[in-house]
C-alpha atoms as a PDB file:
ATOM      1  CA  UNK A   1      -5.501  -7.877  -5.338  1.00  0.00           C
ATOM      2  CA  UNK A   2      -8.099  -8.859  -7.621  1.00  0.00           C
ATOM      3  CA  UNK A   3     -10.637 -11.491  -7.961  1.00  0.00           C
ATOM      4  CA  UNK A   4     -12.651 -13.333  -5.273  1.00  0.00           C
ATOM      5  CA  UNK A   5     -13.509 -11.834  -1.747  1.00  0.00           C
ATOM      6  CA  UNK A   6     -15.248 -15.111  -0.042  1.00  0.00           C
ATOM      7  CA  UNK A   7     -14.221 -17.156   2.776  1.00  0.00           C
ATOM      8  CA  UNK A   8     -12.587 -19.375   0.597  1.00  0.00           C
ATOM      9  CA  UNK A   9     -11.094 -17.200  -1.843  1.00  0.00           C
ATOM     10  CA  UNK A  10      -9.649 -15.628   2.668  1.00  0.00           C
ATOM     11  CA  UNK A  11      -8.380 -19.699   3.898  1.00  0.00           C
ATOM     12  CA  UNK A  12      -6.869 -19.033   0.718  1.00  0.00           C
ATOM     13  CA  UNK A  13      -4.195 -16.001   1.060  1.00  0.00           C
ATOM     14  CA  UNK A  14      -3.662 -17.202   4.916  1.00  0.00           C
ATOM     15  CA  UNK A  15      -2.591 -20.758   3.580  1.00  0.00           C
ATOM     16  CA  UNK A  16       0.049 -19.531   3.211  1.00  0.00           C
ATOM     17  CA  UNK A  17       1.286 -18.049   6.590  1.00  0.00           C
ATOM     18  CA  UNK A  18       0.785 -14.723   5.662  1.00  0.00           C
ATOM     19  CA  UNK A  19      -0.028 -11.367   8.172  1.00  0.00           C
ATOM     20  CA  UNK A  20      -1.768  -8.942   6.932  1.00  0.00           C
ATOM     21  CA  UNK A  21      -3.286  -7.656   3.370  1.00  0.00           C
ATOM     22  CA  UNK A  22      -2.840  -4.655   1.422  1.00  0.00           C
ATOM     23  CA  UNK A  23      -6.670  -2.891  -0.074  1.00  0.00           C
ATOM     24  CA  UNK A  24      -6.346  -0.411  -2.368  1.00  0.00           C
ATOM     25  CA  UNK A  25      -9.296   2.320  -2.960  1.00  0.00           C
ATOM     26  CA  UNK A  26     -10.449   4.350  -4.974  1.00  0.00           C
ATOM     27  CA  UNK A  27     -11.631   7.819  -3.273  1.00  0.00           C
ATOM     28  CA  UNK A  28     -14.361   8.464  -5.868  1.00  0.00           C
ATOM     29  CA  UNK A  29     -16.124   5.111  -4.954  1.00  0.00           C
ATOM     30  CA  UNK A  30     -15.348   5.995  -1.654  1.00  0.00           C
ATOM     31  CA  UNK A  31     -16.740   9.733  -0.809  1.00  0.00           C
ATOM     32  CA  UNK A  32     -19.352   8.484  -4.521  1.00  0.00           C
ATOM     33  CA  UNK A  33     -18.240  11.686  -6.663  1.00  0.00           C
ATOM     34  CA  UNK A  34     -17.553  11.702 -10.163  1.00  0.00           C
ATOM     35  CA  UNK A  35     -19.349   8.064 -10.609  1.00  0.00           C
ATOM     36  CA  UNK A  36     -22.215   9.601 -13.263  1.00  0.00           C
ATOM     37  CA  UNK A  37     -25.098   7.546 -11.129  1.00  0.00           C
ATOM     38  CA  UNK A  38     -22.738   4.459 -10.480  1.00  0.00           C
ATOM     39  CA  UNK A  39     -24.889   2.454  -7.771  1.00  0.00           C
ATOM     40  CA  UNK A  40     -21.836   1.139  -6.578  1.00  0.00           C
ATOM     41  CA  UNK A  41     -20.594   4.634  -4.928  1.00  0.00           C
ATOM     42  CA  UNK A  42     -20.490   5.271  -1.721  1.00  0.00           C
ATOM     43  CA  UNK A  43     -22.511   2.988   1.386  1.00  0.00           C
ATOM     44  CA  UNK A  44     -22.116   0.248  -1.606  1.00  0.00           C
ATOM     45  CA  UNK A  45     -18.879   0.734  -2.169  1.00  0.00           C
ATOM     46  CA  UNK A  46     -18.506   1.457   1.860  1.00  0.00           C
ATOM     47  CA  UNK A  47     -19.926  -1.587   2.783  1.00  0.00           C
ATOM     48  CA  UNK A  48     -18.363  -3.620   0.566  1.00  0.00           C
ATOM     49  CA  UNK A  49     -14.967  -3.078   2.459  1.00  0.00           C
ATOM     50  CA  UNK A  50     -16.185  -3.407   5.491  1.00  0.00           C
ATOM     51  CA  UNK A  51     -17.192  -6.923   5.489  1.00  0.00           C
ATOM     52  CA  UNK A  52     -14.544  -8.359   3.730  1.00  0.00           C
ATOM     53  CA  UNK A  53     -12.329  -6.279   6.372  1.00  0.00           C
ATOM     54  CA  UNK A  54     -14.030  -7.984   8.792  1.00  0.00           C
ATOM     55  CA  UNK A  55     -13.354 -11.378   7.079  1.00  0.00           C
ATOM     56  CA  UNK A  56      -9.979 -10.864   6.459  1.00  0.00           C
ATOM     57  CA  UNK A  57      -9.973 -10.183  10.451  1.00  0.00           C
ATOM     58  CA  UNK A  58     -11.267 -13.438  11.633  1.00  0.00           C
ATOM     59  CA  UNK A  59      -8.709 -15.420   9.624  1.00  0.00           C
ATOM     60  CA  UNK A  60      -6.924 -13.533  12.007  1.00  0.00           C
ATOM     61  CA  UNK A  61      -5.091 -10.700   9.091  1.00  0.00           C
ATOM     62  CA  UNK A  62      -5.071  -7.594   9.910  1.00  0.00           C
ATOM     63  CA  UNK A  63      -5.845  -4.893   6.563  1.00  0.00           C
ATOM     64  CA  UNK A  64      -3.658  -2.392   5.249  1.00  0.00           C
ATOM     65  CA  UNK A  65      -6.266   0.507   3.348  1.00  0.00           C
ATOM     66  CA  UNK A  66      -3.899   2.939   0.502  1.00  0.00           C
ATOM     67  CA  UNK A  67      -6.172   5.535  -1.559  1.00  0.00           C
ATOM     68  CA  UNK A  68      -4.307   3.714  -4.774  1.00  0.00           C
ATOM     69  CA  UNK A  69      -7.021   5.563  -6.732  1.00  0.00           C
ATOM     70  CA  UNK A  70      -7.721   9.453  -7.569  1.00  0.00           C
ATOM     71  CA  UNK A  71      -7.996  12.543  -9.786  1.00  0.00           C
ATOM     72  CA  UNK A  72      -8.681  16.333  -8.877  1.00  0.00           C
ATOM     73  CA  UNK A  73     -11.892  17.514  -9.170  1.00  0.00           C
ATOM     74  CA  UNK A  74     -14.190  16.965 -12.009  1.00  0.00           C
ATOM     75  CA  UNK A  75     -11.620  13.816 -13.464  1.00  0.00           C
ATOM     76  CA  UNK A  76     -12.491  10.275 -12.981  1.00  0.00           C
ATOM     77  CA  UNK A  77     -10.513   8.410 -10.387  1.00  0.00           C
ATOM     78  CA  UNK A  78      -9.245   5.930 -13.072  1.00  0.00           C
ATOM     79  CA  UNK A  79      -4.951   6.127 -12.381  1.00  0.00           C
ATOM     80  CA  UNK A  80      -3.544   7.490  -9.340  1.00  0.00           C
ATOM     81  CA  UNK A  81      -1.037  10.298 -10.087  1.00  0.00           C
ATOM     82  CA  UNK A  82       1.873  12.397  -8.733  1.00  0.00           C
ATOM     83  CA  UNK A  83       0.265  12.794  -5.546  1.00  0.00           C
ATOM     84  CA  UNK A  84      -2.630  12.986  -3.964  1.00  0.00           C
ATOM     85  CA  UNK A  85      -5.376  15.551  -4.241  1.00  0.00           C
ATOM     86  CA  UNK A  86      -5.837  18.673  -2.376  1.00  0.00           C
ATOM     87  CA  UNK A  87      -9.905  18.139  -3.925  1.00  0.00           C
ATOM     88  CA  UNK A  88     -11.009  15.033  -2.592  1.00  0.00           C
ATOM     89  CA  UNK A  89      -7.968  13.118  -0.574  1.00  0.00           C
ATOM     90  CA  UNK A  90      -8.363  14.502   2.924  1.00  0.00           C
ATOM     91  CA  UNK A  91     -11.878  14.258   3.064  1.00  0.00           C
ATOM     92  CA  UNK A  92     -11.628   9.679   1.896  1.00  0.00           C
ATOM     93  CA  UNK A  93      -9.304   9.794   4.972  1.00  0.00           C
ATOM     94  CA  UNK A  94     -11.331  11.155   7.057  1.00  0.00           C
ATOM     95  CA  UNK A  95     -13.974   9.605   6.107  1.00  0.00           C
ATOM     96  CA  UNK A  96     -11.911   6.334   5.926  1.00  0.00           C
ATOM     97  CA  UNK A  97     -10.408   6.495   9.523  1.00  0.00           C
ATOM     98  CA  UNK A  98     -13.871   7.205  10.742  1.00  0.00           C
ATOM     99  CA  UNK A  99     -15.140   3.919   9.570  1.00  0.00           C
ATOM    100  CA  UNK A 100     -12.136   2.189  11.683  1.00  0.00           C
ATOM    101  CA  UNK A 101     -10.892   4.025  14.093  1.00  0.00           C
ATOM    102  CA  UNK A 102     -11.669   1.884  16.943  1.00  0.00           C
ATOM    103  CA  UNK A 103     -10.108  -1.175  14.190  1.00  0.00           C
ATOM    104  CA  UNK A 104      -7.455  -1.340  15.749  1.00  0.00           C
ATOM    105  CA  UNK A 105      -6.429  -4.092  12.938  1.00  0.00           C
ATOM    106  CA  UNK A 106      -5.920  -1.045   9.792  1.00  0.00           C
ATOM    107  CA  UNK A 107      -3.342   0.706   8.977  1.00  0.00           C
ATOM    108  CA  UNK A 108      -3.130   3.695   6.642  1.00  0.00           C
ATOM    109  CA  UNK A 109      -1.297   3.920   4.147  1.00  0.00           C
ATOM    110  CA  UNK A 110      -2.083   7.283   2.557  1.00  0.00           C
ATOM    111  CA  UNK A 111      -0.750   7.154  -0.387  1.00  0.00           C
ATOM    112  CA  UNK A 112       0.066   4.780  -3.226  1.00  0.00           C
ATOM    113  CA  UNK A 113       3.566   5.377  -4.831  1.00  0.00           C
ATOM    114  CA  UNK A 114       3.397   9.629  -4.648  1.00  0.00           C
ATOM    115  CA  UNK A 115       6.211  10.310  -8.017  1.00  0.00           C
ATOM    116  CA  UNK A 116       7.436  13.396  -9.550  1.00  0.00           C
ATOM    117  CA  UNK A 117       7.354  15.550  -6.816  1.00  0.00           C
ATOM    118  CA  UNK A 118      10.001  17.491  -5.152  1.00  0.00           C
ATOM    119  CA  UNK A 119      10.191  16.569  -1.057  1.00  0.00           C
ATOM    120  CA  UNK A 120       8.776  19.774  -0.465  1.00  0.00           C
ATOM    121  CA  UNK A 121       5.679  18.542  -1.611  1.00  0.00           C
ATOM    122  CA  UNK A 122       5.461  15.592  -0.562  1.00  0.00           C
ATOM    123  CA  UNK A 123       5.024  17.011   2.734  1.00  0.00           C
ATOM    124  CA  UNK A 124       2.621  20.354   2.341  1.00  0.00           C
ATOM    125  CA  UNK A 125       1.671  20.045  -1.123  1.00  0.00           C
ATOM    126  CA  UNK A 126       2.097  22.007  -4.469  1.00  0.00           C
ATOM    127  CA  UNK A 127       0.802  22.774  -7.322  1.00  0.00           C
ATOM    128  CA  UNK A 128       1.350  20.110 -10.287  1.00  0.00           C
ATOM    129  CA  UNK A 129       2.374  19.905 -13.271  1.00  0.00           C
ATOM    130  CA  UNK A 130      -0.979  19.930 -14.500  1.00  0.00           C
ATOM    131  CA  UNK A 131      -1.585  22.751 -13.232  1.00  0.00           C
ATOM    132  CA  UNK A 132      -4.651  21.024  -9.743  1.00  0.00           C
ATOM    133  CA  UNK A 133      -3.806  21.430  -6.567  1.00  0.00           C
ATOM    134  CA  UNK A 134      -1.430  18.322  -4.862  1.00  0.00           C
ATOM    135  CA  UNK A 135      -2.050  17.378  -1.193  1.00  0.00           C
ATOM    136  CA  UNK A 136       1.224  16.944   1.529  1.00  0.00           C
ATOM    137  CA  UNK A 137       1.315  13.708   3.889  1.00  0.00           C
ATOM    138  CA  UNK A 138       0.805  16.166   6.569  1.00  0.00           C
ATOM    139  CA  UNK A 139      -1.940  17.602   5.500  1.00  0.00           C
ATOM    140  CA  UNK A 140      -3.041  13.580   5.444  1.00  0.00           C
ATOM    141  CA  UNK A 141      -1.875  13.390   8.097  1.00  0.00           C
ATOM    142  CA  UNK A 142      -3.916  15.389  10.051  1.00  0.00           C
ATOM    143  CA  UNK A 143      -6.583  14.602   7.955  1.00  0.00           C
ATOM    144  CA  UNK A 144      -6.592  11.661   9.976  1.00  0.00           C
ATOM    145  CA  UNK A 145      -5.168  12.596  13.558  1.00  0.00           C
ATOM    146  CA  UNK A 146      -8.590  14.704  13.297  1.00  0.00           C
ATOM    147  CA  UNK A 147     -11.259  12.080  13.430  1.00  0.00           C
ATOM    148  CA  UNK A 148      -9.907  10.458  16.891  1.00  0.00           C
ATOM    149  CA  UNK A 149      -8.094   7.717  14.945  1.00  0.00           C
ATOM    150  CA  UNK A 150      -4.831   6.384  16.220  1.00  0.00           C
ATOM    151  CA  UNK A 151      -4.153   3.569  14.349  1.00  0.00           C
ATOM    152  CA  UNK A 152      -0.382   3.790  12.097  1.00  0.00           C
ATOM    153  CA  UNK A 153       0.455   5.784   9.589  1.00  0.00           C
ATOM    154  CA  UNK A 154       2.562   3.842   6.113  1.00  0.00           C
ATOM    155  CA  UNK A 155       3.989   7.165   4.783  1.00  0.00           C
ATOM    156  CA  UNK A 156       4.638   5.787   0.462  1.00  0.00           C
ATOM    157  CA  UNK A 157       8.595   7.207  -0.284  1.00  0.00           C
ATOM    158  CA  UNK A 158       9.831   9.280  -3.517  1.00  0.00           C
ATOM    159  CA  UNK A 159       9.301   7.382  -7.125  1.00  0.00           C
ATOM    160  CA  UNK A 160       7.404   5.482  -6.754  1.00  0.00           C
ATOM    161  CA  UNK A 161       7.830   4.764  -3.232  1.00  0.00           C
ATOM    162  CA  UNK A 162      11.178   2.876  -4.324  1.00  0.00           C
ATOM    163  CA  UNK A 163      13.485   6.128  -2.713  1.00  0.00           C
ATOM    164  CA  UNK A 164      13.158   6.934   1.404  1.00  0.00           C
ATOM    165  CA  UNK A 165      16.625   8.792   0.913  1.00  0.00           C
ATOM    166  CA  UNK A 166      14.514  12.330   2.552  1.00  0.00           C
ATOM    167  CA  UNK A 167      11.970  10.468   4.191  1.00  0.00           C
ATOM    168  CA  UNK A 168      13.354  11.161   7.768  1.00  0.00           C
ATOM    169  CA  UNK A 169      14.130  15.632   6.866  1.00  0.00           C
ATOM    170  CA  UNK A 170      10.639  15.640   5.262  1.00  0.00           C
ATOM    171  CA  UNK A 171       8.619  13.239   7.676  1.00  0.00           C
ATOM    172  CA  UNK A 172       5.441  14.977   9.440  1.00  0.00           C
ATOM    173  CA  UNK A 173       4.898  15.842  12.321  1.00  0.00           C
ATOM    174  CA  UNK A 174       2.087  13.596  14.708  1.00  0.00           C
ATOM    175  CA  UNK A 175       0.384  13.837  17.309  1.00  0.00           C
ATOM    176  CA  UNK A 176      -0.622   9.448  17.628  1.00  0.00           C
ATOM    177  CA  UNK A 177       3.396   9.052  17.306  1.00  0.00           C
ATOM    178  CA  UNK A 178       2.706   6.064  14.775  1.00  0.00           C
ATOM    179  CA  UNK A 179       4.203   6.473  11.472  1.00  0.00           C
ATOM    180  CA  UNK A 180       5.151   4.413   9.164  1.00  0.00           C
ATOM    181  CA  UNK A 181       8.259   4.632   5.810  1.00  0.00           C
ATOM    182  CA  UNK A 182       6.441   2.280   3.096  1.00  0.00           C
ATOM    183  CA  UNK A 183       8.691   0.798  -0.093  1.00  0.00           C
ATOM    184  CA  UNK A 184       7.990  -0.501  -3.030  1.00  0.00           C
ATOM    185  CA  UNK A 185      11.230  -2.456  -4.156  1.00  0.00           C
ATOM    186  CA  UNK A 186      11.111  -4.493  -7.603  1.00  0.00           C
ATOM    187  CA  UNK A 187      13.721  -6.760  -9.108  1.00  0.00           C
ATOM    188  CA  UNK A 188      16.184  -7.317  -9.380  1.00  0.00           C
ATOM    189  CA  UNK A 189      16.196  -4.130 -11.330  1.00  0.00           C
ATOM    190  CA  UNK A 190      13.336  -2.633 -11.771  1.00  0.00           C
ATOM    191  CA  UNK A 191      12.839  -1.053  -8.886  1.00  0.00           C
ATOM    192  CA  UNK A 192      15.219   2.823  -8.191  1.00  0.00           C
ATOM    193  CA  UNK A 193      16.702   1.424  -4.989  1.00  0.00           C
ATOM    194  CA  UNK A 194      17.609  -2.512  -5.870  1.00  0.00           C
ATOM    195  CA  UNK A 195      20.564  -3.496  -4.550  1.00  0.00           C
ATOM    196  CA  UNK A 196      21.785  -4.415  -1.397  1.00  0.00           C
ATOM    197  CA  UNK A 197      24.716  -0.544  -1.303  1.00  0.00           C
ATOM    198  CA  UNK A 198      21.447   0.647  -1.891  1.00  0.00           C
ATOM    199  CA  UNK A 199      18.859  -0.433   0.307  1.00  0.00           C
ATOM    200  CA  UNK A 200      21.773  -0.096   3.045  1.00  0.00           C
ATOM    201  CA  UNK A 201      22.245   2.775   2.779  1.00  0.00           C
ATOM    202  CA  UNK A 202      18.896   4.645   2.195  1.00  0.00           C
ATOM    203  CA  UNK A 203      16.278   1.888   3.470  1.00  0.00           C
ATOM    204  CA  UNK A 204      18.414   0.952   6.883  1.00  0.00           C
ATOM    205  CA  UNK A 205      19.132   3.982   8.377  1.00  0.00           C
ATOM    206  CA  UNK A 206      15.278   4.936   7.806  1.00  0.00           C
ATOM    207  CA  UNK A 207      14.285   1.377   9.674  1.00  0.00           C
ATOM    208  CA  UNK A 208      16.527   2.329  12.465  1.00  0.00           C
ATOM    209  CA  UNK A 209      14.023   5.171  12.630  1.00  0.00           C
ATOM    210  CA  UNK A 210      10.841   4.735  12.642  1.00  0.00           C
ATOM    211  CA  UNK A 211       8.645   0.774  11.482  1.00  0.00           C
ATOM    212  CA  UNK A 212       9.645   0.506   8.276  1.00  0.00           C
ATOM    213  CA  UNK A 213       7.556  -1.838   5.432  1.00  0.00           C
ATOM    214  CA  UNK A 214       8.269  -2.757   1.785  1.00  0.00           C
ATOM    215  CA  UNK A 215       4.356  -2.238   0.985  1.00  0.00           C
ATOM    216  CA  UNK A 216       4.979  -3.173  -2.252  1.00  0.00           C
ATOM    217  CA  UNK A 217       7.595  -5.879  -3.133  1.00  0.00           C
ATOM    218  CA  UNK A 218       7.281  -7.697  -6.708  1.00  0.00           C
ATOM    219  CA  UNK A 219       9.746  -9.411  -9.306  1.00  0.00           C
ATOM    220  CA  UNK A 220       9.671  -8.779 -12.347  1.00  0.00           C
ATOM    221  CA  UNK A 221      11.428 -12.192 -14.426  1.00  0.00           C
ATOM    222  CA  UNK A 222       8.395 -14.316 -12.856  1.00  0.00           C
ATOM    223  CA  UNK A 223      11.454 -15.796 -10.718  1.00  0.00           C
ATOM    224  CA  UNK A 224      12.135 -15.421  -7.319  1.00  0.00           C
ATOM    225  CA  UNK A 225      15.996 -15.943  -7.125  1.00  0.00           C
ATOM    226  CA  UNK A 226      16.032 -11.631  -5.849  1.00  0.00           C
ATOM    227  CA  UNK A 227      13.195 -11.849  -3.225  1.00  0.00           C
ATOM    228  CA  UNK A 228      14.963 -14.737  -1.353  1.00  0.00           C
ATOM    229  CA  UNK A 229      17.627 -12.356  -1.488  1.00  0.00           C
ATOM    230  CA  UNK A 230      15.520  -9.415   0.100  1.00  0.00           C
ATOM    231  CA  UNK A 231      13.421 -10.893   2.054  1.00  0.00           C
ATOM    232  CA  UNK A 232      15.899 -12.317   4.052  1.00  0.00           C
ATOM    233  CA  UNK A 233      18.057  -8.527   3.811  1.00  0.00           C
ATOM    234  CA  UNK A 234      14.860  -7.676   5.485  1.00  0.00           C
ATOM    235  CA  UNK A 235      14.099  -9.995   8.242  1.00  0.00           C
ATOM    236  CA  UNK A 236      17.450  -8.791   9.790  1.00  0.00           C
ATOM    237  CA  UNK A 237      16.398  -5.538  10.782  1.00  0.00           C
ATOM    238  CA  UNK A 238      12.661  -5.964  11.070  1.00  0.00           C
ATOM    239  CA  UNK A 239      11.656  -4.776   8.211  1.00  0.00           C
ATOM    240  CA  UNK A 240       8.332  -6.409   6.559  1.00  0.00           C
ATOM    241  CA  UNK A 241       7.345  -6.472   3.662  1.00  0.00           C
ATOM    242  CA  UNK A 242       3.925  -7.381   1.405  1.00  0.00           C
ATOM    243  CA  UNK A 243       4.452  -9.317  -1.723  1.00  0.00           C
ATOM    244  CA  UNK A 244       2.481  -8.189  -4.835  1.00  0.00           C
ATOM    245  CA  UNK A 245       0.346  -9.024  -6.082  1.00  0.00           C
ATOM    246  CA  UNK A 246      -2.947 -11.881  -5.186  1.00  0.00           C
ATOM    247  CA  UNK A 247      -4.064 -11.843  -9.025  1.00  0.00           C
ATOM    248  CA  UNK A 248      -4.975 -14.363 -10.648  1.00  0.00           C
ATOM    249  CA  UNK A 249      -4.066 -12.757 -14.469  1.00  0.00           C
ATOM    250  CA  UNK A 250      -4.719 -14.484 -17.594  1.00  0.00           C
ATOM    251  CA  UNK A 251      -1.370 -14.091 -18.917  1.00  0.00           C
ATOM    252  CA  UNK A 252       0.201 -14.419 -15.492  1.00  0.00           C
ATOM    253  CA  UNK A 253       3.948 -13.331 -15.145  1.00  0.00           C
ATOM    254  CA  UNK A 254       3.261 -11.596 -19.056  1.00  0.00           C
ATOM    255  CA  UNK A 255       0.502  -8.751 -17.122  1.00  0.00           C
ATOM    256  CA  UNK A 256       3.431  -8.193 -13.790  1.00  0.00           C
ATOM    257  CA  UNK A 257       3.911  -9.710 -10.668  1.00  0.00           C
ATOM    258  CA  UNK A 258       1.898 -11.758  -9.965  1.00  0.00           C
ATOM    259  CA  UNK A 259       2.125 -14.911  -7.257  1.00  0.00           C
ATOM    260  CA  UNK A 260      -0.460 -17.064  -8.367  1.00  0.00           C
ATOM    261  CA  UNK A 261      -1.745 -19.075 -11.472  1.00  0.00           C
ATOM    262  CA  UNK A 262      -5.556 -18.876  -9.675  1.00  0.00           C
ATOM    263  CA  UNK A 263      -7.346 -17.720  -6.272  1.00  0.00           C
ATOM    264  CA  UNK A 264      -7.423 -21.295  -4.021  1.00  0.00           C
ATOM    265  CA  UNK A 265      -2.737 -19.951  -4.066  1.00  0.00           C
ATOM    266  CA  UNK A 266      -1.385 -21.992  -6.377  1.00  0.00           C
ATOM    267  CA  UNK A 267       1.661 -20.066  -6.813  1.00  0.00           C
ATOM    268  CA  UNK A 268       3.228 -18.788  -9.781  1.00  0.00           C
ATOM    269  CA  UNK A 269       7.495 -19.622 -10.101  1.00  0.00           C
ATOM    270  CA  UNK A 270       7.853 -15.682  -8.665  1.00  0.00           C
ATOM    271  CA  UNK A 271       4.599 -16.792  -6.220  1.00  0.00           C
ATOM    272  CA  UNK A 272       6.375 -19.942  -4.727  1.00  0.00           C
ATOM    273  CA  UNK A 273       9.584 -18.764  -3.277  1.00  0.00           C
ATOM    274  CA  UNK A 274       7.092 -15.696  -0.983  1.00  0.00           C
ATOM    275  CA  UNK A 275       5.260 -18.489  -0.355  1.00  0.00           C
ATOM    276  CA  UNK A 276       8.035 -20.957   1.620  1.00  0.00           C
ATOM    277  CA  UNK A 277       9.724 -18.125   3.015  1.00  0.00           C
ATOM    278  CA  UNK A 278       6.960 -17.681   4.733  1.00  0.00           C
ATOM    279  CA  UNK A 279       6.140 -20.269   6.006  1.00  0.00           C
ATOM    280  CA  UNK A 280       9.409 -20.943   7.013  1.00  0.00           C
ATOM    281  CA  UNK A 281      10.087 -18.566   9.089  1.00  0.00           C
ATOM    282  CA  UNK A 282       6.301 -18.537  10.395  1.00  0.00           C
ATOM    283  CA  UNK A 283       5.327 -22.241  10.419  1.00  0.00           C
END
């Protein structure tokens, strides 16, 4: 999400009967590296995130903190890479977990959307096609758990988090036994696995073994026909979902699957399907 972070905007989110918000973070900003002397990194950034998390909690909202923007070495984190980088991502998670380890209403999404890597790299890291070292999910789990934090950890699948086909096979070791499979889906046909047959064959078996959260759910045609089918399917299996995205972009759905027309919470044609479903299942 983007936009205002005041009490009124949080109240608008809560008015949809949502119970969780996912915040995407930048490792450079949190660690205050590669910032070129900017005053917005480090303590300033950390304080802003921490205070916003507290404000969301006041409205009964859980918060998922996700590493989304990263880069190796001295490169600035202006985009998401194929995988978390070994240079900074473990240090990022060690710091974030230390800051929030006493907050039971927070979960950690270790890397937003791994893509164009092998499952072996997903687990253990590798040298990427760009020549830098990726951090595997196991090292990120270790970084969080070494702080004493025991919150649930979301691990996005491969293929921009749309592929859970080998998630169970490559599941990292976790001493807290609190790993969650994160799945991203954009219908009707934008993501890798959108059909009911694919969902039943690749996502449902994972949900029988571990919790599954649809970390991003969207629809790229600015309607709600696809999510109207997906959400009841997910409900039947106890799979959670977070709608993407709470952004009032100037050209609305043309920029992507935004749920709102303004930050008071007026829904788009896509958002109205998500809002009505939440209001129906959480009176």
